[in-house]
C-alpha atoms as a PDB file:
ATOM      1  CA  MET A   1      62.837  41.433 161.677  1.00  0.00           C
ATOM      2  CA  GLU A   2      65.430  40.450 159.864  1.00  0.00           C
ATOM      3  CA  TYR A   3      65.135  37.067 157.661  1.00  0.00           C
ATOM      4  CA  ALA A   4      68.604  34.795 156.000  1.00  0.00           C
ATOM      5  CA  PRO A   5      69.171  35.400 152.352  1.00  0.00           C
ATOM      6  CA  ASP A   6      67.253  32.469 151.162  1.00  0.00           C
ATOM      7  CA  THR A   7      64.806  32.079 153.445  1.00  0.00           C
ATOM      8  CA  PRO A   8      61.465  32.946 152.329  1.00  0.00           C
ATOM      9  CA  GLU A   9      59.045  35.380 154.126  1.00  0.00           C
ATOM     10  CA  PRO A  10      56.934  33.229 156.880  1.00  0.00           C
ATOM     11  CA  THR A  11      53.533  35.529 155.164  1.00  0.00           C
ATOM     12  CA  ALA A  12      54.897  33.194 151.793  1.00  0.00           C
ATOM     13  CA  ASN A  13      54.671  29.546 153.297  1.00  0.00           C
ATOM     14  CA  PRO A  14      52.665  27.847 150.242  1.00  0.00           C
ATOM     15  CA  HIS A  15      52.466  24.752 152.599  1.00  0.00           C
ATOM     16  CA  CYS A  16      51.170  26.595 155.767  1.00  0.00           C
ATOM     17  CA  PRO A  17      48.892  29.310 154.423  1.00  0.00           C
ATOM     18  CA  LEU A  18      47.122  29.619 158.331  1.00  0.00           C
ATOM     19  CA  PHE A  19      51.165  30.725 159.119  1.00  0.00           C
ATOM     20  CA  THR A  20      51.525  34.653 158.794  1.00  0.00           C
ATOM     21  CA  SER A  21      53.151  37.232 160.632  1.00  0.00           C
ATOM     22  CA  THR A  22      50.134  38.865 161.552  1.00  0.00           C
ATOM     23  CA  LYS A  23      48.428  35.296 162.818  1.00  0.00           C
ATOM     24  CA  VAL A  24      51.561  34.830 164.460  1.00  0.00           C
ATOM     25  CA  ALA A  25      51.766  38.059 166.384  1.00  0.00           C
ATOM     26  CA  GLU A  26      48.073  37.695 167.441  1.00  0.00           C
ATOM     27  CA  LYS A  27      49.402  34.422 169.387  1.00  0.00           C
ATOM     28  CA  GLY A  28      51.983  36.384 170.941  1.00  0.00           C
ATOM     29  CA  PHE A  29      54.936  33.786 169.749  1.00  0.00           C
ATOM     30  CA  GLY A  30      57.902  36.346 169.289  1.00  0.00           C
ATOM     31  CA  GLU A  31      60.326  36.607 166.409  1.00  0.00           C
ATOM     32  CA  ASP A  32      62.852  33.704 168.385  1.00  0.00           C
ATOM     33  CA  PHE A  33      60.048  31.207 168.144  1.00  0.00           C
ATOM     34  CA  VAL A  34      59.088  32.011 164.587  1.00  0.00           C
ATOM     35  CA  ARG A  35      62.684  31.790 163.109  1.00  0.00           C
ATOM     36  CA  GLN A  36      63.130  28.311 164.778  1.00  0.00           C
ATOM     37  CA  LEU A  37      59.596  27.424 163.287  1.00  0.00           C
ATOM     38  CA  MET A  38      61.043  28.201 159.808  1.00  0.00           C
ATOM     39  CA  GLU A  39      64.550  27.158 160.158  1.00  0.00           C
ATOM     40  CA  LYS A  40      62.826  23.611 161.239  1.00  0.00           C
ATOM     41  CA  ALA A  41      60.645  23.952 157.919  1.00  0.00           C
ATOM     42  CA  ARG A  42      63.838  24.544 156.221  1.00  0.00           C
ATOM     43  CA  ILE A  43      65.295  21.370 157.271  1.00  0.00           C
ATOM     44  CA  GLN A  44      62.279  19.287 156.662  1.00  0.00           C
ATOM     45  CA  ALA A  45      62.130  20.604 152.988  1.00  0.00           C
ATOM     46  CA  ARG A  46      65.313  19.543 152.794  1.00  0.00           C
ATOM     47  CA  GLN A  47      64.863  16.250 154.176  1.00  0.00           C
ATOM     48  CA  LEU A  48      61.678  15.596 152.300  1.00  0.00           C
ATOM     49  CA  HIS A  49      63.452  16.945 148.660  1.00  0.00           C
ATOM     50  CA  GLU A  50      66.599  13.929 150.017  1.00  0.00           C
ATOM     51  CA  LYS A  51      64.003  11.539 149.999  1.00  0.00           C
ATOM     52  CA  GLU A  52      61.804  11.733 147.432  1.00  0.00           C
ATOM     53  CA  GLU A  53      64.882  11.972 145.412  1.00  0.00           C
ATOM     54  CA  TYR A  54      65.880   8.287 146.613  1.00  0.00           C
ATOM     55  CA  VAL A  55      62.816   7.719 145.754  1.00  0.00           C
ATOM     56  CA  ILE A  56      63.002   8.473 142.472  1.00  0.00           C
ATOM     57  CA  LEU A  57      66.728   6.837 142.561  1.00  0.00           C
ATOM     58  CA  CYS A  58      64.778   3.136 144.154  1.00  0.00           C
ATOM     59  CA  GLU A  59      62.481   3.196 141.263  1.00  0.00           C
ATOM     60  CA  ARG A  60      65.459   3.226 138.522  1.00  0.00           C
ATOM     61  CA  ARG A  61      67.318   0.286 140.102  1.00  0.00           C
ATOM     62  CA  ILE A  62      64.264  -1.622 140.585  1.00  0.00           C
ATOM     63  CA  LEU A  63      63.525  -1.293 136.672  1.00  0.00           C
ATOM     64  CA  GLU A  64      67.114  -1.868 135.784  1.00  0.00           C
ATOM     65  CA  LEU A  65      66.979  -4.881 137.873  1.00  0.00           C
ATOM     66  CA  TYR A  66      63.326  -5.996 136.633  1.00  0.00           C
ATOM     67  CA  PRO A  67      61.372  -3.864 134.207  1.00  0.00           C
ATOM     68  CA  GLU A  68      58.261  -5.011 134.486  1.00  0.00           C
ATOM     69  CA  HIS A  69      58.194  -4.235 138.298  1.00  0.00           C
ATOM     70  CA  PRO A  70      54.599  -2.117 139.025  1.00  0.00           C
ATOM     71  CA  LEU A  71      55.502   1.086 140.406  1.00  0.00           C
ATOM     72  CA  PRO A  72      55.390   2.247 143.345  1.00  0.00           C
ATOM     73  CA  VAL A  73      56.548  -0.447 145.716  1.00  0.00           C
ATOM     74  CA  VAL A  74      53.262  -1.524 147.509  1.00  0.00           C
ATOM     75  CA  GLU A  75      53.782  -4.042 150.849  1.00  0.00           C
ATOM     76  CA  GLY A  76      52.530  -7.549 148.554  1.00  0.00           C
ATOM     77  CA  HIS A  77      55.221  -7.254 146.515  1.00  0.00           C
ATOM     78  CA  ILE A  78      57.850  -8.020 149.237  1.00  0.00           C
ATOM     79  CA  GLY A  79      58.632 -11.778 149.006  1.00  0.00           C
ATOM     80  CA  GLU A  80      57.256 -11.936 145.561  1.00  0.00           C
ATOM     81  CA  VAL A  81      59.403 -13.745 143.569  1.00  0.00           C
ATOM     82  CA  SER A  82      59.652 -13.512 139.173  1.00  0.00           C
ATOM     83  CA  LYS A  83      60.316 -15.236 136.617  1.00  0.00           C
ATOM     84  CA  GLU A  84      63.340 -14.044 135.976  1.00  0.00           C
ATOM     85  CA  LEU A  85      64.444 -13.553 139.510  1.00  0.00           C
ATOM     86  CA  LEU A  86      64.218 -17.501 139.615  1.00  0.00           C
ATOM     87  CA  GLN A  87      66.170 -17.615 136.044  1.00  0.00           C
ATOM     88  CA  ALA A  88      68.421 -15.399 137.454  1.00  0.00           C
ATOM     89  CA  GLN A  89      69.116 -16.955 140.252  1.00  0.00           C
ATOM     90  CA  LEU A  90      69.488 -20.733 138.423  1.00  0.00           C
ATOM     91  CA  LEU A  91      71.910 -19.021 135.936  1.00  0.00           C
ATOM     92  CA  ILE A  92      73.838 -18.033 139.315  1.00  0.00           C
ATOM     93  CA  LYS A  93      73.578 -21.140 140.182  1.00  0.00           C
ATOM     94  CA  GLU A  94      74.766 -23.019 136.712  1.00  0.00           C
ATOM     95  CA  LEU A  95      77.434 -20.380 136.671  1.00  0.00           C
ATOM     96  CA  GLY A  96      78.702 -21.200 139.512  1.00  0.00           C
ATOM     97  CA  GLU A  97      78.877 -24.990 138.354  1.00  0.00           C
ATOM     98  CA  LEU A  98      80.325 -24.071 135.566  1.00  0.00           C
ATOM     99  CA  LYS A  99      83.350 -22.590 137.256  1.00  0.00           C
ATOM    100  CA  LYS A 100      84.089 -24.818 139.509  1.00  0.00           C
ATOM    101  CA  LYS A 101      84.517 -27.487 136.109  1.00  0.00           C
ATOM    102  CA  LEU A 102      85.793 -25.266 134.460  1.00  0.00           C
ATOM    103  CA  ALA A 103      88.714 -25.358 137.828  1.00  0.00           C
ATOM    104  CA  ARG A 104      88.695 -29.008 137.144  1.00  0.00           C
ATOM    105  CA  LYS A 105      89.503 -28.666 133.376  1.00  0.00           C
ATOM    106  CA  SER A 106      92.026 -26.518 134.323  1.00  0.00           C
ATOM    107  CA  LYS A 107      93.500 -28.467 136.917  1.00  0.00           C
ATOM    108  CA  ASP A 108      93.645 -31.329 134.201  1.00  0.00           C
ATOM    109  CA  LEU A 109      94.627 -29.620 131.347  1.00  0.00           C
ATOM    110  CA  GLU A 110      97.995 -28.645 133.300  1.00  0.00           C
ATOM    111  CA  LYS A 111      98.488 -31.758 134.858  1.00  0.00           C
ATOM    112  CA  TYR A 112      98.443 -33.436 131.371  1.00  0.00           C
ATOM    113  CA  LYS A 113     100.480 -30.450 130.312  1.00  0.00           C
ATOM    114  CA  LYS A 114     102.988 -31.908 132.904  1.00  0.00           C
ATOM    115  CA  LEU A 115     102.833 -35.297 131.368  1.00  0.00           C
ATOM    116  CA  ASN A 116     102.702 -34.475 128.050  1.00  0.00           C
ATOM    117  CA  LYS A 117     105.978 -31.948 128.474  1.00  0.00           C
ATOM    118  CA  GLU A 118     107.712 -35.397 130.388  1.00  0.00           C
ATOM    119  CA  LEU A 119     106.517 -37.689 127.156  1.00  0.00           C
ATOM    120  CA  GLN A 120     108.246 -35.711 124.964  1.00  0.00           C
ATOM    121  CA  ASP A 121     111.416 -35.100 126.871  1.00  0.00           C
ATOM    122  CA  LYS A 122     111.375 -38.986 127.723  1.00  0.00           C
ATOM    123  CA  ILE A 123     110.713 -39.201 123.282  1.00  0.00           C
ATOM    124  CA  GLU A 124     114.065 -36.641 122.595  1.00  0.00           C
ATOM    125  CA  GLN A 125     116.195 -38.472 125.304  1.00  0.00           C
ATOM    126  CA  LEU A 126     115.329 -41.658 122.989  1.00  0.00           C
ATOM    127  CA  ALA A 127     115.597 -40.305 120.028  1.00  0.00           C
ATOM    128  CA  ALA A 128     119.043 -38.482 121.045  1.00  0.00           C
ATOM    129  CA  SER A 129     119.802 -42.374 122.518  1.00  0.00           C
ATOM    130  CA  SER A 130     117.893 -43.971 119.901  1.00  0.00           C
ATOM    131  CA  GLN A 131     120.634 -42.067 117.636  1.00  0.00           C
ATOM    132  CA  SER A 132     123.576 -42.780 119.189  1.00  0.00           C
ATOM    133  CA  THR A 133     122.985 -45.816 119.002  1.00  0.00           C
ATOM    134  CA  GLU A 134     122.620 -45.982 116.018  1.00  0.00           C
ATOM    135  CA  ASP A 135     125.799 -43.920 115.400  1.00  0.00           C
ATOM    136  CA  SER A 136     127.147 -47.244 117.823  1.00  0.00           C
ATOM    137  CA  LEU A 137     125.797 -49.645 115.432  1.00  0.00           C
ATOM    138  CA  THR A 138     126.556 -48.293 112.236  1.00  0.00           C
ATOM    139  CA  GLU A 139     130.123 -48.537 113.401  1.00  0.00           C
ATOM    140  CA  GLN A 140     130.126 -51.775 114.478  1.00  0.00           C
ATOM    141  CA  LEU A 141     128.673 -52.650 111.374  1.00  0.00           C
ATOM    142  CA  ASN A 142     131.241 -51.073 109.162  1.00  0.00           C
ATOM    143  CA  LYS A 143     133.741 -52.543 111.539  1.00  0.00           C
ATOM    144  CA  LEU A 144     132.354 -55.827 110.619  1.00  0.00           C
ATOM    145  CA  LEU A 145     131.857 -55.832 106.990  1.00  0.00           C
ATOM    146  CA  LYS A 146     135.356 -54.414 107.316  1.00  0.00           C
ATOM    147  CA  GLU A 147     136.403 -57.726 109.373  1.00  0.00           C
ATOM    148  CA  LYS A 148     134.662 -60.079 106.722  1.00  0.00           C
ATOM    149  CA  GLN A 149     136.256 -58.541 104.151  1.00  0.00           C
ATOM    150  CA  ALA A 150     139.404 -59.471 105.403  1.00  0.00           C
ATOM    151  CA  ILE A 151     138.593 -63.093 106.164  1.00  0.00           C
ATOM    152  CA  GLU A 152     137.139 -63.390 102.762  1.00  0.00           C
ATOM    153  CA  ALA A 153     140.817 -62.240 101.307  1.00  0.00           C
ATOM    154  CA  SER A 154     142.297 -64.262 103.614  1.00  0.00           C
ATOM    155  CA  LEU A 155     140.053 -66.954 102.791  1.00  0.00           C
ATOM    156  CA  ARG A 156     140.544 -66.450  98.814  1.00  0.00           C
ATOM    157  CA  ALA A 157     144.271 -65.891  98.986  1.00  0.00           C
ATOM    158  CA  GLU A 158     144.413 -69.350 101.467  1.00  0.00           C
ATOM    159  CA  ILE A 159     142.030 -71.231  98.360  1.00  0.00           C
ATOM    160  CA  LEU A 160     144.826 -70.087  96.200  1.00  0.00           C
ATOM    161  CA  VAL A 161     148.046 -71.302  98.306  1.00  0.00           C
ATOM    162  CA  ASN A 162     145.292 -74.593  98.452  1.00  0.00           C
ATOM    163  CA  GLU A 163     144.747 -74.906  94.503  1.00  0.00           C
ATOM    164  CA  GLU A 164     148.766 -74.394  94.486  1.00  0.00           C
ATOM    165  CA  GLN A 165     149.465 -76.898  96.748  1.00  0.00           C
ATOM    166  CA  ARG A 166     146.926 -79.068  95.148  1.00  0.00           C
ATOM    167  CA  SER A 167     148.485 -78.622  91.579  1.00  0.00           C
ATOM    168  CA  HIS A 168     152.109 -79.548  93.047  1.00  0.00           C
ATOM    169  CA  ILE A 169     150.167 -82.359  94.733  1.00  0.00           C
ATOM    170  CA  THR A 170     149.082 -83.413  91.375  1.00  0.00           C
ATOM    171  CA  VAL A 171     152.557 -83.353  89.609  1.00  0.00           C
ATOM    172  CA  SER A 172     154.239 -84.850  92.379  1.00  0.00           C
ATOM    173  CA  TYR A 173     151.460 -87.537  92.436  1.00  0.00           C
ATOM    174  CA  THR A 174     151.733 -87.649  88.580  1.00  0.00           C
ATOM    175  CA  HIS A 175     155.863 -87.723  89.061  1.00  0.00           C
ATOM    176  CA  LEU A 176     155.923 -90.129  91.571  1.00  0.00           C
ATOM    177  CA  THR A 177     153.341 -92.766  89.835  1.00  0.00           C
ATOM    178  CA  LEU A 178     154.577 -92.198  86.049  1.00  0.00           C
ATOM    179  CA  PRO A 179     158.194 -93.791  86.892  1.00  0.00           C
ATOM    180  CA  THR A 180     156.513 -96.427  88.254  1.00  0.00           C
ATOM    181  CA  ILE A 181     154.494 -96.584  85.346  1.00  0.00           C
ATOM    182  CA  CYS A 182     157.030 -96.680  82.927  1.00  0.00           C
ATOM    183  CA  SER A 183     159.311 -99.412  85.172  1.00  0.00           C
ATOM    184  CA  VAL A 184     156.812-101.590  84.694  1.00  0.00           C
END
């Protein structure tokens, strides 16, 4: 009887001590049937091994999420809610609310940044306009001061002319009234 290289001898199966080549021969089963049974046993052993590895992986994940969870998991554990899970759910809810608040605050911040930028631009425009107005007013003030100085100079000159004329009038009056006084 030929076996695949990784196939154990049917008599070496530790899970089925009653399965031996002599017992198979006594029962009248053929070599094909034995090979089929061996192949099926190998497949089931591999599947069992994979499921055991998956169980270990699931238990590791359960302990990551809930370190105090008892193992193995039994039917009574299904639907149980731990304090940690409730706290996590509350934290998740609070986190969602905080994210919404943050989004609103971010929108408000952008709105205020835009408003601040507009106000800064207006302030700069007013400053430039103010500077322009200040320059214009300074120019007008200088012009008015020059006009004032010119008027003052003109008034001084007129006062001098008036003083001269008064002197002339006084002298002329004195000359006019003096002969009359002398003739009297």
